[in-house]
Amino acid sequence: MTIAKKLTITRWVSITSYVALIILLALKSFYFAPEEAALATRFAVFMFSTVPLLIFIPGMIQDTHRSYTWICFVVLGYFIYAVTALAVPAEAALIDWFYCFLTVTLFTFAMMFVRYKKYHEAGYE
């Protein structure tokens, strides 16, 4: 498989897992929130949890490897939260497993995108 093909695959898997992670955060903030939480509180939690990810939208659209590198660093915080949510088996929900899966997928494919992007820019095929 050529570097260009690998670059395309890793880009689309990264973007898909990125969008899925934002959708999952919306579900956690609105649908799976405690019933007594006000709508303003749910919205504040959603904004607080997604703004660090939303910062990278322009860079991901432009395919800059720096944005993908930084999103790897940022997603590590989300991974830590997902693992701590899974640390208590009695309270772990299925959505927490999806959360962990999406963070690992986003980190892995964004990291591989950066690697293939640098190979592509260097002229390797």
PDB file of N, CA and C in Angstrom:
ATOM      1  N   MET A   1       0.856  -1.176   0.000  1.00  0.00           N
ATOM      2  CA  MET A   1       0.000   0.000   0.000  1.00  0.00           C
ATOM      3  C   MET A   1       0.902   1.239   0.000  1.00  0.00           C
ATOM      4  N   THR A   2       0.541   2.219  -0.789  1.00  0.00           N
ATOM      5  CA  THR A   2       1.358   3.424  -0.909  1.00  0.00           C
ATOM      6  C   THR A   2       1.149   4.338   0.288  1.00  0.00           C
ATOM      7  N   ILE A   3       2.066   5.257   0.446  1.00  0.00           N
ATOM      8  CA  ILE A   3       1.984   6.225   1.537  1.00  0.00           C
ATOM      9  C   ILE A   3       0.743   7.103   1.367  1.00  0.00           C
ATOM     10  N   ALA A   4       0.420   7.478   0.146  1.00  0.00           N
ATOM     11  CA  ALA A   4      -0.751   8.324  -0.101  1.00  0.00           C
ATOM     12  C   ALA A   4      -2.033   7.620   0.319  1.00  0.00           C
ATOM     13  N   LYS A   5      -2.119   6.334   0.047  1.00  0.00           N
ATOM     14  CA  LYS A   5      -3.309   5.560   0.448  1.00  0.00           C
ATOM     15  C   LYS A   5      -3.390   5.455   1.970  1.00  0.00           C
ATOM     16  N   LYS A   6      -2.256   5.189   2.615  1.00  0.00           N
ATOM     17  CA  LYS A   6      -2.224   5.121   4.083  1.00  0.00           C
ATOM     18  C   LYS A   6      -2.588   6.467   4.690  1.00  0.00           C
ATOM     19  N   LEU A   7      -2.117   7.527   4.062  1.00  0.00           N
ATOM     20  CA  LEU A   7      -2.418   8.877   4.531  1.00  0.00           C
ATOM     21  C   LEU A   7      -3.917   9.151   4.464  1.00  0.00           C
ATOM     22  N   THR A   8      -4.549   8.754   3.380  1.00  0.00           N
ATOM     23  CA  THR A   8      -5.992   8.947   3.219  1.00  0.00           C
ATOM     24  C   THR A   8      -6.778   8.145   4.253  1.00  0.00           C
ATOM     25  N   ILE A   9      -6.400   6.898   4.453  1.00  0.00           N
ATOM     26  CA  ILE A   9      -7.109   6.043   5.416  1.00  0.00           C
ATOM     27  C   ILE A   9      -6.976   6.593   6.830  1.00  0.00           C
ATOM     28  N   THR A  10      -5.756   6.936   7.230  1.00  0.00           N
ATOM     29  CA  THR A  10      -5.567   7.435   8.597  1.00  0.00           C
ATOM     30  C   THR A  10      -6.268   8.774   8.807  1.00  0.00           C
ATOM     31  N   ARG A  11      -6.314   9.585   7.775  1.00  0.00           N
ATOM     32  CA  ARG A  11      -7.014  10.870   7.897  1.00  0.00           C
ATOM     33  C   ARG A  11      -8.504  10.653   8.134  1.00  0.00           C
ATOM     34  N   TRP A  12      -9.120   9.780   7.342  1.00  0.00           N
ATOM     35  CA  TRP A  12     -10.562   9.583   7.472  1.00  0.00           C
ATOM     36  C   TRP A  12     -10.940   8.857   8.766  1.00  0.00           C
ATOM     37  N   VAL A  13     -10.119   7.934   9.195  1.00  0.00           N
ATOM     38  CA  VAL A  13     -10.417   7.273  10.476  1.00  0.00           C
ATOM     39  C   VAL A  13     -10.244   8.274  11.623  1.00  0.00           C
ATOM     40  N   SER A  14      -9.244   9.127  11.538  1.00  0.00           N
ATOM     41  CA  SER A  14      -9.047  10.156  12.570  1.00  0.00           C
ATOM     42  C   SER A  14     -10.237  11.108  12.622  1.00  0.00           C
ATOM     43  N   ILE A  15     -10.668  11.574  11.482  1.00  0.00           N
ATOM     44  CA  ILE A  15     -11.796  12.508  11.446  1.00  0.00           C
ATOM     45  C   ILE A  15     -13.081  11.833  11.917  1.00  0.00           C
ATOM     46  N   THR A  16     -13.286  10.586  11.528  1.00  0.00           N
ATOM     47  CA  THR A  16     -14.480   9.861  11.959  1.00  0.00           C
ATOM     48  C   THR A  16     -14.495   9.658  13.460  1.00  0.00           C
ATOM     49  N   SER A  17     -13.377   9.251  14.027  1.00  0.00           N
ATOM     50  CA  SER A  17     -13.340   9.055  15.476  1.00  0.00           C
ATOM     51  C   SER A  17     -13.412  10.388  16.219  1.00  0.00           C
ATOM     52  N   TYR A  18     -12.889  11.439  15.619  1.00  0.00           N
ATOM     53  CA  TYR A  18     -12.980  12.781  16.198  1.00  0.00           C
ATOM     54  C   TYR A  18     -14.444  13.238  16.289  1.00  0.00           C
ATOM     55  N   VAL A  19     -15.167  13.093  15.194  1.00  0.00           N
ATOM     56  CA  VAL A  19     -16.584  13.481  15.176  1.00  0.00           C
ATOM     57  C   VAL A  19     -17.392  12.584  16.107  1.00  0.00           C
ATOM     58  N   ALA A  20     -17.101  11.292  16.110  1.00  0.00           N
ATOM     59  CA  ALA A  20     -17.809  10.364  16.995  1.00  0.00           C
ATOM     60  C   ALA A  20     -17.549  10.692  18.459  1.00  0.00           C
ATOM     61  N   LEU A  21     -16.335  11.124  18.780  1.00  0.00           N
ATOM     62  CA  LEU A  21     -16.024  11.509  20.160  1.00  0.00           C
ATOM     63  C   LEU A  21     -16.812  12.746  20.571  1.00  0.00           C
ATOM     64  N   ILE A  22     -16.959  13.704  19.684  1.00  0.00           N
ATOM     65  CA  ILE A  22     -17.745  14.900  19.998  1.00  0.00           C
ATOM     66  C   ILE A  22     -19.220  14.531  20.169  1.00  0.00           C
ATOM     67  N   ILE A  23     -19.721  13.653  19.332  1.00  0.00           N
ATOM     68  CA  ILE A  23     -21.114  13.196  19.478  1.00  0.00           C
ATOM     69  C   ILE A  23     -21.292  12.450  20.796  1.00  0.00           C
ATOM     70  N   LEU A  24     -20.321  11.618  21.146  1.00  0.00           N
ATOM     71  CA  LEU A  24     -20.397  10.893  22.413  1.00  0.00           C
ATOM     72  C   LEU A  24     -20.370  11.844  23.602  1.00  0.00           C
ATOM     73  N   LEU A  25     -19.566  12.889  23.525  1.00  0.00           N
ATOM     74  CA  LEU A  25     -19.542  13.883  24.601  1.00  0.00           C
ATOM     75  C   LEU A  25     -20.878  14.604  24.706  1.00  0.00           C
ATOM     76  N   ALA A  26     -21.524  14.845  23.572  1.00  0.00           N
ATOM     77  CA  ALA A  26     -22.855  15.457  23.597  1.00  0.00           C
ATOM     78  C   ALA A  26     -23.858  14.514  24.256  1.00  0.00           C
ATOM     79  N   LEU A  27     -23.786  13.243  23.947  1.00  0.00           N
ATOM     80  CA  LEU A  27     -24.677  12.273  24.588  1.00  0.00           C
ATOM     81  C   LEU A  27     -24.447  12.209  26.088  1.00  0.00           C
ATOM     82  N   LYS A  28     -23.182  12.195  26.492  1.00  0.00           N
ATOM     83  CA  LYS A  28     -22.867  12.152  27.928  1.00  0.00           C
ATOM     84  C   LYS A  28     -23.333  13.420  28.638  1.00  0.00           C
ATOM     85  N   SER A  29     -23.250  14.545  27.954  1.00  0.00           N
ATOM     86  CA  SER A  29     -23.607  15.814  28.589  1.00  0.00           C
ATOM     87  C   SER A  29     -25.112  16.035  28.670  1.00  0.00           C
ATOM     88  N   PHE A  30     -25.836  15.583  27.666  1.00  0.00           N
ATOM     89  CA  PHE A  30     -27.270  15.871  27.626  1.00  0.00           C
ATOM     90  C   PHE A  30     -28.139  14.661  27.963  1.00  0.00           C
ATOM     91  N   TYR A  31     -27.891  13.544  27.322  1.00  0.00           N
ATOM     92  CA  TYR A  31     -28.775  12.397  27.486  1.00  0.00           C
ATOM     93  C   TYR A  31     -28.471  11.593  28.759  1.00  0.00           C
ATOM     94  N   PHE A  32     -27.200  11.385  29.053  1.00  0.00           N
ATOM     95  CA  PHE A  32     -26.820  10.581  30.211  1.00  0.00           C
ATOM     96  C   PHE A  32     -26.510  11.418  31.448  1.00  0.00           C
ATOM     97  N   ALA A  33     -26.834  12.685  31.425  1.00  0.00           N
ATOM     98  CA  ALA A  33     -26.617  13.551  32.580  1.00  0.00           C
ATOM     99  C   ALA A  33     -27.653  13.245  33.659  1.00  0.00           C
ATOM    100  N   PRO A  34     -27.348  13.583  34.901  1.00  0.00           N
ATOM    101  CA  PRO A  34     -28.347  13.382  35.962  1.00  0.00           C
ATOM    102  C   PRO A  34     -29.633  14.154  35.648  1.00  0.00           C
ATOM    103  N   GLU A  35     -30.750  13.562  35.992  1.00  0.00           N
ATOM    104  CA  GLU A  35     -32.038  14.171  35.658  1.00  0.00           C
ATOM    105  C   GLU A  35     -32.255  15.522  36.326  1.00  0.00           C
ATOM    106  N   GLU A  36     -31.674  15.716  37.494  1.00  0.00           N
ATOM    107  CA  GLU A  36     -31.891  16.969  38.206  1.00  0.00           C
ATOM    108  C   GLU A  36     -31.023  18.113  37.690  1.00  0.00           C
ATOM    109  N   ALA A  37     -30.107  17.825  36.764  1.00  0.00           N
ATOM    110  CA  ALA A  37     -29.231  18.851  36.212  1.00  0.00           C
ATOM    111  C   ALA A  37     -30.025  19.767  35.276  1.00  0.00           C
ATOM    112  N   ALA A  38     -29.821  21.050  35.434  1.00  0.00           N
ATOM    113  CA  ALA A  38     -30.497  22.031  34.585  1.00  0.00           C
ATOM    114  C   ALA A  38     -29.887  22.020  33.187  1.00  0.00           C
ATOM    115  N   LEU A  39     -30.635  22.528  32.229  1.00  0.00           N
ATOM    116  CA  LEU A  39     -30.164  22.564  30.851  1.00  0.00           C
ATOM    117  C   LEU A  39     -28.912  23.433  30.712  1.00  0.00           C
ATOM    118  N   ALA A  40     -28.868  24.530  31.457  1.00  0.00           N
ATOM    119  CA  ALA A  40     -27.686  25.396  31.403  1.00  0.00           C
ATOM    120  C   ALA A  40     -26.452  24.660  31.923  1.00  0.00           C
ATOM    121  N   THR A  41     -26.630  23.844  32.944  1.00  0.00           N
ATOM    122  CA  THR A  41     -25.522  23.060  33.487  1.00  0.00           C
ATOM    123  C   THR A  41     -25.059  22.025  32.478  1.00  0.00           C
ATOM    124  N   ARG A  42     -25.990  21.368  31.838  1.00  0.00           N
ATOM    125  CA  ARG A  42     -25.649  20.369  30.823  1.00  0.00           C
ATOM    126  C   ARG A  42     -24.895  21.017  29.662  1.00  0.00           C
ATOM    127  N   PHE A  43     -25.352  22.186  29.251  1.00  0.00           N
ATOM    128  CA  PHE A  43     -24.680  22.893  28.163  1.00  0.00           C
ATOM    129  C   PHE A  43     -23.279  23.326  28.575  1.00  0.00           C
ATOM    130  N   ALA A  44     -23.122  23.785  29.806  1.00  0.00           N
ATOM    131  CA  ALA A  44     -21.799  24.198  30.285  1.00  0.00           C
ATOM    132  C   ALA A  44     -20.834  23.016  30.330  1.00  0.00           C
ATOM    133  N   VAL A  45     -21.323  21.866  30.770  1.00  0.00           N
ATOM    134  CA  VAL A  45     -20.481  20.671  30.792  1.00  0.00           C
ATOM    135  C   VAL A  45     -20.096  20.270  29.373  1.00  0.00           C
ATOM    136  N   PHE A  46     -21.047  20.350  28.453  1.00  0.00           N
ATOM    137  CA  PHE A  46     -20.754  20.023  27.058  1.00  0.00           C
ATOM    138  C   PHE A  46     -19.697  20.964  26.486  1.00  0.00           C
ATOM    139  N   MET A  47     -19.837  22.243  26.706  1.00  0.00           N
ATOM    140  CA  MET A  47     -18.872  23.210  26.178  1.00  0.00           C
ATOM    141  C   MET A  47     -17.498  23.017  26.816  1.00  0.00           C
ATOM    142  N   PHE A  48     -17.483  22.788  28.122  1.00  0.00           N
ATOM    143  CA  PHE A  48     -16.215  22.595  28.818  1.00  0.00           C
ATOM    144  C   PHE A  48     -15.490  21.353  28.304  1.00  0.00           C
ATOM    145  N   SER A  49     -16.247  20.328  27.945  1.00  0.00           N
ATOM    146  CA  SER A  49     -15.610  19.087  27.505  1.00  0.00           C
ATOM    147  C   SER A  49     -15.270  19.066  26.019  1.00  0.00           C
ATOM    148  N   THR A  50     -15.891  19.902  25.224  1.00  0.00           N
ATOM    149  CA  THR A  50     -15.626  19.852  23.782  1.00  0.00           C
ATOM    150  C   THR A  50     -14.757  20.983  23.241  1.00  0.00           C
ATOM    151  N   VAL A  51     -14.669  22.091  23.931  1.00  0.00           N
ATOM    152  CA  VAL A  51     -13.878  23.221  23.413  1.00  0.00           C
ATOM    153  C   VAL A  51     -12.427  22.830  23.145  1.00  0.00           C
ATOM    154  N   PRO A  52     -11.771  22.045  24.026  1.00  0.00           N
ATOM    155  CA  PRO A  52     -10.395  21.655  23.685  1.00  0.00           C
ATOM    156  C   PRO A  52     -10.289  20.856  22.380  1.00  0.00           C
ATOM    157  N   LEU A  53     -11.328  20.125  22.035  1.00  0.00           N
ATOM    158  CA  LEU A  53     -11.312  19.390  20.772  1.00  0.00           C
ATOM    159  C   LEU A  53     -11.686  20.278  19.589  1.00  0.00           C
ATOM    160  N   LEU A  54     -12.601  21.199  19.797  1.00  0.00           N
ATOM    161  CA  LEU A  54     -13.083  22.042  18.703  1.00  0.00           C
ATOM    162  C   LEU A  54     -12.017  23.012  18.193  1.00  0.00           C
ATOM    163  N   ILE A  55     -11.017  23.282  19.000  1.00  0.00           N
ATOM    164  CA  ILE A  55      -9.942  24.190  18.588  1.00  0.00           C
ATOM    165  C   ILE A  55      -9.214  23.662  17.352  1.00  0.00           C
ATOM    166  N   PHE A  56      -9.201  22.341  17.185  1.00  0.00           N
ATOM    167  CA  PHE A  56      -8.405  21.728  16.122  1.00  0.00           C
ATOM    168  C   PHE A  56      -9.143  21.553  14.800  1.00  0.00           C
ATOM    169  N   ILE A  57     -10.366  21.999  14.711  1.00  0.00           N
ATOM    170  CA  ILE A  57     -11.125  21.825  13.467  1.00  0.00           C
ATOM    171  C   ILE A  57     -10.433  22.478  12.262  1.00  0.00           C
ATOM    172  N   PRO A  58      -9.988  23.731  12.337  1.00  0.00           N
ATOM    173  CA  PRO A  58      -9.334  24.316  11.142  1.00  0.00           C
ATOM    174  C   PRO A  58      -8.089  23.554  10.705  1.00  0.00           C
ATOM    175  N   GLY A  59      -7.280  23.120  11.657  1.00  0.00           N
ATOM    176  CA  GLY A  59      -6.071  22.387  11.306  1.00  0.00           C
ATOM    177  C   GLY A  59      -6.347  21.019  10.731  1.00  0.00           C
ATOM    178  N   MET A  60      -7.419  20.382  11.206  1.00  0.00           N
ATOM    179  CA  MET A  60      -7.761  19.072  10.659  1.00  0.00           C
ATOM    180  C   MET A  60      -8.324  19.201   9.250  1.00  0.00           C
ATOM    181  N   ILE A  61      -9.037  20.281   8.992  1.00  0.00           N
ATOM    182  CA  ILE A  61      -9.555  20.507   7.641  1.00  0.00           C
ATOM    183  C   ILE A  61      -8.403  20.780   6.667  1.00  0.00           C
ATOM    184  N   GLN A  62      -7.398  21.518   7.124  1.00  0.00           N
ATOM    185  CA  GLN A  62      -6.253  21.853   6.273  1.00  0.00           C
ATOM    186  C   GLN A  62      -5.198  20.750   6.240  1.00  0.00           C
ATOM    187  N   ASP A  63      -5.368  19.681   7.003  1.00  0.00           N
ATOM    188  CA  ASP A  63      -4.436  18.552   7.058  1.00  0.00           C
ATOM    189  C   ASP A  63      -3.034  18.948   7.522  1.00  0.00           C
ATOM    190  N   THR A  64      -2.948  19.822   8.482  1.00  0.00           N
ATOM    191  CA  THR A  64      -1.633  20.172   9.017  1.00  0.00           C
ATOM    192  C   THR A  64      -1.223  19.135  10.053  1.00  0.00           C
ATOM    193  N   HIS A  65       0.003  18.675   9.937  1.00  0.00           N
ATOM    194  CA  HIS A  65       0.451  17.641  10.859  1.00  0.00           C
ATOM    195  C   HIS A  65       0.606  18.159  12.282  1.00  0.00           C
ATOM    196  N   ARG A  66       0.772  19.460  12.451  1.00  0.00           N
ATOM    197  CA  ARG A  66       0.866  20.020  13.806  1.00  0.00           C
ATOM    198  C   ARG A  66      -0.452  19.887  14.565  1.00  0.00           C
ATOM    199  N   SER A  67      -1.554  20.091  13.889  1.00  0.00           N
ATOM    200  CA  SER A  67      -2.854  19.939  14.543  1.00  0.00           C
ATOM    201  C   SER A  67      -3.077  18.502  14.977  1.00  0.00           C
ATOM    202  N   TYR A  68      -2.689  17.570  14.141  1.00  0.00           N
ATOM    203  CA  TYR A  68      -2.846  16.161  14.493  1.00  0.00           C
ATOM    204  C   TYR A  68      -1.903  15.778  15.630  1.00  0.00           C
ATOM    205  N   THR A  69      -0.727  16.382  15.659  1.00  0.00           N
ATOM    206  CA  THR A  69       0.199  16.117  16.763  1.00  0.00           C
ATOM    207  C   THR A  69      -0.374  16.643  18.072  1.00  0.00           C
ATOM    208  N   TRP A  70      -0.897  17.849  18.053  1.00  0.00           N
ATOM    209  CA  TRP A  70      -1.447  18.427  19.266  1.00  0.00           C
ATOM    210  C   TRP A  70      -2.721  17.724  19.710  1.00  0.00           C
ATOM    211  N   ILE A  71      -3.505  17.246  18.774  1.00  0.00           N
ATOM    212  CA  ILE A  71      -4.714  16.532  19.176  1.00  0.00           C
ATOM    213  C   ILE A  71      -4.341  15.228  19.873  1.00  0.00           C
ATOM    214  N   CYS A  72      -3.202  14.649  19.523  1.00  0.00           N
ATOM    215  CA  CYS A  72      -2.733  13.463  20.251  1.00  0.00           C
ATOM    216  C   CYS A  72      -2.470  13.800  21.711  1.00  0.00           C
ATOM    217  N   PHE A  73      -1.869  14.947  21.965  1.00  0.00           N
ATOM    218  CA  PHE A  73      -1.622  15.355  23.346  1.00  0.00           C
ATOM    219  C   PHE A  73      -2.926  15.636  24.091  1.00  0.00           C
ATOM    220  N   VAL A  74      -3.837  16.308  23.457  1.00  0.00           N
ATOM    221  CA  VAL A  74      -5.100  16.680  24.105  1.00  0.00           C
ATOM    222  C   VAL A  74      -5.951  15.449  24.392  1.00  0.00           C
ATOM    223  N   VAL A  75      -5.977  14.515  23.471  1.00  0.00           N
ATOM    224  CA  VAL A  75      -6.837  13.349  23.641  1.00  0.00           C
ATOM    225  C   VAL A  75      -6.337  12.445  24.772  1.00  0.00           C
ATOM    226  N   LEU A  76      -5.101  12.596  25.183  1.00  0.00           N
ATOM    227  CA  LEU A  76      -4.608  11.823  26.326  1.00  0.00           C
ATOM    228  C   LEU A  76      -5.369  12.176  27.607  1.00  0.00           C
ATOM    229  N   GLY A  77      -5.766  13.419  27.750  1.00  0.00           N
ATOM    230  CA  GLY A  77      -6.590  13.810  28.901  1.00  0.00           C
ATOM    231  C   GLY A  77      -7.948  13.121  28.883  1.00  0.00           C
ATOM    232  N   TYR A  78      -8.530  13.024  27.711  1.00  0.00           N
ATOM    233  CA  TYR A  78      -9.810  12.321  27.571  1.00  0.00           C
ATOM    234  C   TYR A  78      -9.644  10.825  27.839  1.00  0.00           C
ATOM    235  N   PHE A  79      -8.506  10.275  27.440  1.00  0.00           N
ATOM    236  CA  PHE A  79      -8.224   8.864  27.704  1.00  0.00           C
ATOM    237  C   PHE A  79      -8.108   8.611  29.203  1.00  0.00           C
ATOM    238  N   ILE A  80      -7.439   9.497  29.909  1.00  0.00           N
ATOM    239  CA  ILE A  80      -7.308   9.347  31.363  1.00  0.00           C
ATOM    240  C   ILE A  80      -8.685   9.365  32.014  1.00  0.00           C
ATOM    241  N   TYR A  81      -9.544  10.260  31.584  1.00  0.00           N
ATOM    242  CA  TYR A  81     -10.902  10.309  32.126  1.00  0.00           C
ATOM    243  C   TYR A  81     -11.664   9.018  31.819  1.00  0.00           C
ATOM    244  N   ALA A  82     -11.517   8.504  30.611  1.00  0.00           N
ATOM    245  CA  ALA A  82     -12.231   7.277  30.223  1.00  0.00           C
ATOM    246  C   ALA A  82     -11.750   6.092  31.037  1.00  0.00           C
ATOM    247  N   VAL A  83     -10.465   5.993  31.264  1.00  0.00           N
ATOM    248  CA  VAL A  83      -9.926   4.867  32.036  1.00  0.00           C
ATOM    249  C   VAL A  83     -10.355   4.960  33.491  1.00  0.00           C
ATOM    250  N   THR A  84     -10.378   6.155  34.052  1.00  0.00           N
ATOM    251  CA  THR A  84     -10.828   6.279  35.438  1.00  0.00           C
ATOM    252  C   THR A  84     -12.319   5.991  35.570  1.00  0.00           C
ATOM    253  N   ALA A  85     -13.086   6.293  34.537  1.00  0.00           N
ATOM    254  CA  ALA A  85     -14.512   5.943  34.568  1.00  0.00           C
ATOM    255  C   ALA A  85     -14.698   4.433  34.499  1.00  0.00           C
ATOM    256  N   LEU A  86     -13.792   3.741  33.847  1.00  0.00           N
ATOM    257  CA  LEU A  86     -13.867   2.284  33.748  1.00  0.00           C
ATOM    258  C   LEU A  86     -13.219   1.574  34.929  1.00  0.00           C
ATOM    259  N   ALA A  87     -12.531   2.321  35.793  1.00  0.00           N
ATOM    260  CA  ALA A  87     -11.808   1.708  36.908  1.00  0.00           C
ATOM    261  C   ALA A  87     -12.742   1.115  37.959  1.00  0.00           C
ATOM    262  N   VAL A  88     -13.948   1.626  38.050  1.00  0.00           N
ATOM    263  CA  VAL A  88     -14.929   1.098  38.997  1.00  0.00           C
ATOM    264  C   VAL A  88     -15.913   0.251  38.190  1.00  0.00           C
ATOM    265  N   PRO A  89     -15.750  -1.076  38.202  1.00  0.00           N
ATOM    266  CA  PRO A  89     -16.583  -1.923  37.340  1.00  0.00           C
ATOM    267  C   PRO A  89     -18.078  -1.821  37.630  1.00  0.00           C
ATOM    268  N   ALA A  90     -18.448  -1.543  38.863  1.00  0.00           N
ATOM    269  CA  ALA A  90     -19.874  -1.465  39.200  1.00  0.00           C
ATOM    270  C   ALA A  90     -20.542  -0.246  38.559  1.00  0.00           C
ATOM    271  N   GLU A  91     -19.771   0.807  38.313  1.00  0.00           N
ATOM    272  CA  GLU A  91     -20.329   2.036  37.759  1.00  0.00           C
ATOM    273  C   GLU A  91     -19.994   2.237  36.280  1.00  0.00           C
ATOM    274  N   ALA A  92     -19.186   1.360  35.702  1.00  0.00           N
ATOM    275  CA  ALA A  92     -18.791   1.507  34.297  1.00  0.00           C
ATOM    276  C   ALA A  92     -19.974   1.186  33.393  1.00  0.00           C
ATOM    277  N   ALA A  93     -20.234   2.074  32.476  1.00  0.00           N
ATOM    278  CA  ALA A  93     -21.333   1.899  31.525  1.00  0.00           C
ATOM    279  C   ALA A  93     -20.763   1.583  30.149  1.00  0.00           C
ATOM    280  N   LEU A  94     -21.614   1.140  29.257  1.00  0.00           N
ATOM    281  CA  LEU A  94     -21.189   0.820  27.898  1.00  0.00           C
ATOM    282  C   LEU A  94     -20.651   2.058  27.181  1.00  0.00           C
ATOM    283  N   ILE A  95     -21.231   3.205  27.480  1.00  0.00           N
ATOM    284  CA  ILE A  95     -20.772   4.437  26.833  1.00  0.00           C
ATOM    285  C   ILE A  95     -19.328   4.765  27.239  1.00  0.00           C
ATOM    286  N   ASP A  96     -18.931   4.372  28.441  1.00  0.00           N
ATOM    287  CA  ASP A  96     -17.542   4.594  28.864  1.00  0.00           C
ATOM    288  C   ASP A  96     -16.573   3.725  28.061  1.00  0.00           C
ATOM    289  N   TRP A  97     -17.008   2.519  27.692  1.00  0.00           N
ATOM    290  CA  TRP A  97     -16.172   1.666  26.844  1.00  0.00           C
ATOM    291  C   TRP A  97     -16.026   2.271  25.452  1.00  0.00           C
ATOM    292  N   PHE A  98     -17.099   2.815  24.907  1.00  0.00           N
ATOM    293  CA  PHE A  98     -17.020   3.503  23.614  1.00  0.00           C
ATOM    294  C   PHE A  98     -16.124   4.736  23.697  1.00  0.00           C
ATOM    295  N   TYR A  99     -16.229   5.438  24.814  1.00  0.00           N
ATOM    296  CA  TYR A  99     -15.410   6.627  25.052  1.00  0.00           C
ATOM    297  C   TYR A  99     -13.927   6.257  25.031  1.00  0.00           C
ATOM    298  N   CYS A 100     -13.582   5.200  25.730  1.00  0.00           N
ATOM    299  CA  CYS A 100     -12.197   4.738  25.762  1.00  0.00           C
ATOM    300  C   CYS A 100     -11.745   4.286  24.373  1.00  0.00           C
ATOM    301  N   PHE A 101     -12.586   3.540  23.688  1.00  0.00           N
ATOM    302  CA  PHE A 101     -12.260   3.060  22.343  1.00  0.00           C
ATOM    303  C   PHE A 101     -12.024   4.225  21.382  1.00  0.00           C
ATOM    304  N   LEU A 102     -12.870   5.233  21.438  1.00  0.00           N
ATOM    305  CA  LEU A 102     -12.723   6.370  20.518  1.00  0.00           C
ATOM    306  C   LEU A 102     -11.463   7.180  20.802  1.00  0.00           C
ATOM    307  N   THR A 103     -11.111   7.329  22.069  1.00  0.00           N
ATOM    308  CA  THR A 103      -9.889   8.074  22.383  1.00  0.00           C
ATOM    309  C   THR A 103      -8.652   7.321  21.904  1.00  0.00           C
ATOM    310  N   VAL A 104      -8.646   6.004  22.090  1.00  0.00           N
ATOM    311  CA  VAL A 104      -7.506   5.205  21.627  1.00  0.00           C
ATOM    312  C   VAL A 104      -7.425   5.233  20.099  1.00  0.00           C
ATOM    313  N   THR A 105      -8.565   5.116  19.445  1.00  0.00           N
ATOM    314  CA  THR A 105      -8.592   5.144  17.980  1.00  0.00           C
ATOM    315  C   THR A 105      -8.123   6.494  17.446  1.00  0.00           C
ATOM    316  N   LEU A 106      -8.634   7.562  18.032  1.00  0.00           N
ATOM    317  CA  LEU A 106      -8.231   8.896  17.581  1.00  0.00           C
ATOM    318  C   LEU A 106      -6.743   9.117  17.791  1.00  0.00           C
ATOM    319  N   PHE A 107      -6.229   8.740  18.945  1.00  0.00           N
ATOM    320  CA  PHE A 107      -4.804   8.921  19.221  1.00  0.00           C
ATOM    321  C   PHE A 107      -3.954   8.126  18.224  1.00  0.00           C
ATOM    322  N   THR A 108      -4.288   6.869  18.042  1.00  0.00           N
ATOM    323  CA  THR A 108      -3.480   5.989  17.190  1.00  0.00           C
ATOM    324  C   THR A 108      -3.472   6.454  15.737  1.00  0.00           C
ATOM    325  N   PHE A 109      -4.654   6.737  15.205  1.00  0.00           N
ATOM    326  CA  PHE A 109      -4.704   7.105  13.788  1.00  0.00           C
ATOM    327  C   PHE A 109      -4.207   8.530  13.538  1.00  0.00           C
ATOM    328  N   ALA A 110      -4.370   9.427  14.492  1.00  0.00           N
ATOM    329  CA  ALA A 110      -3.797  10.766  14.324  1.00  0.00           C
ATOM    330  C   ALA A 110      -2.276  10.695  14.356  1.00  0.00           C
ATOM    331  N   MET A 111      -1.742   9.849  15.228  1.00  0.00           N
ATOM    332  CA  MET A 111      -0.295   9.675  15.294  1.00  0.00           C
ATOM    333  C   MET A 111       0.235   9.073  13.984  1.00  0.00           C
ATOM    334  N   MET A 112      -0.469   8.085  13.457  1.00  0.00           N
ATOM    335  CA  MET A 112      -0.042   7.481  12.204  1.00  0.00           C
ATOM    336  C   MET A 112      -0.194   8.450  11.034  1.00  0.00           C
ATOM    337  N   PHE A 113      -1.214   9.324  11.090  1.00  0.00           N
ATOM    338  CA  PHE A 113      -1.371  10.347  10.054  1.00  0.00           C
ATOM    339  C   PHE A 113      -0.147  11.255  10.023  1.00  0.00           C
ATOM    340  N   VAL A 114       0.311  11.663  11.200  1.00  0.00           N
ATOM    341  CA  VAL A 114       1.485  12.541  11.270  1.00  0.00           C
ATOM    342  C   VAL A 114       2.698  11.841  10.658  1.00  0.00           C
ATOM    343  N   ARG A 115       2.864  10.579  10.977  1.00  0.00           N
ATOM    344  CA  ARG A 115       4.001   9.826  10.438  1.00  0.00           C
ATOM    345  C   ARG A 115       3.930   9.732   8.912  1.00  0.00           C
ATOM    346  N   TYR A 116       2.776   9.351   8.387  1.00  0.00           N
ATOM    347  CA  TYR A 116       2.634   9.213   6.944  1.00  0.00           C
ATOM    348  C   TYR A 116       2.683  10.565   6.230  1.00  0.00           C
ATOM    349  N   LYS A 117       2.204  11.609   6.893  1.00  0.00           N
ATOM    350  CA  LYS A 117       2.256  12.949   6.302  1.00  0.00           C
ATOM    351  C   LYS A 117       3.708  13.388   6.131  1.00  0.00           C
ATOM    352  N   LYS A 118       4.534  13.115   7.134  1.00  0.00           N
ATOM    353  CA  LYS A 118       5.951  13.489   7.024  1.00  0.00           C
ATOM    354  C   LYS A 118       6.658  12.667   5.946  1.00  0.00           C
ATOM    355  N   TYR A 119       6.319  11.381   5.838  1.00  0.00           N
ATOM    356  CA  TYR A 119       6.890  10.558   4.759  1.00  0.00           C
ATOM    357  C   TYR A 119       6.457  11.095   3.399  1.00  0.00           C
ATOM    358  N   HIS A 120       5.190  11.458   3.286  1.00  0.00           N
ATOM    359  CA  HIS A 120       4.659  11.972   2.030  1.00  0.00           C
ATOM    360  C   HIS A 120       5.333  13.286   1.636  1.00  0.00           C
ATOM    361  N   GLU A 121       5.515  14.158   2.621  1.00  0.00           N
ATOM    362  CA  GLU A 121       6.182  15.435   2.343  1.00  0.00           C
ATOM    363  C   GLU A 121       7.646  15.255   1.977  1.00  0.00           C
ATOM    364  N   ALA A 122       8.271  14.191   2.489  1.00  0.00           N
ATOM    365  CA  ALA A 122       9.680  13.924   2.182  1.00  0.00           C
ATOM    366  C   ALA A 122       9.853  13.251   0.817  1.00  0.00           C
ATOM    367  N   GLY A 123       8.734  12.817   0.229  1.00  0.00           N
ATOM    368  CA  GLY A 123       8.801  12.246  -1.106  1.00  0.00           C
ATOM    369  C   GLY A 123       8.854  10.727  -1.144  1.00  0.00           C
ATOM    370  N   TYR A 124       8.666  10.067  -0.009  1.00  0.00           N
ATOM    371  CA  TYR A 124       8.644   8.607  -0.006  1.00  0.00           C
ATOM    372  C   TYR A 124       7.344   8.085  -0.604  1.00  0.00           C
ATOM    373  N   GLU A 125       7.397   6.954  -1.217  1.00  0.00           N
ATOM    374  CA  GLU A 125       6.212   6.305  -1.760  1.00  0.00           C
ATOM    375  C   GLU A 125       6.234   4.922  -1.333  1.00  0.00           C
TER     376      GLU A 125
END
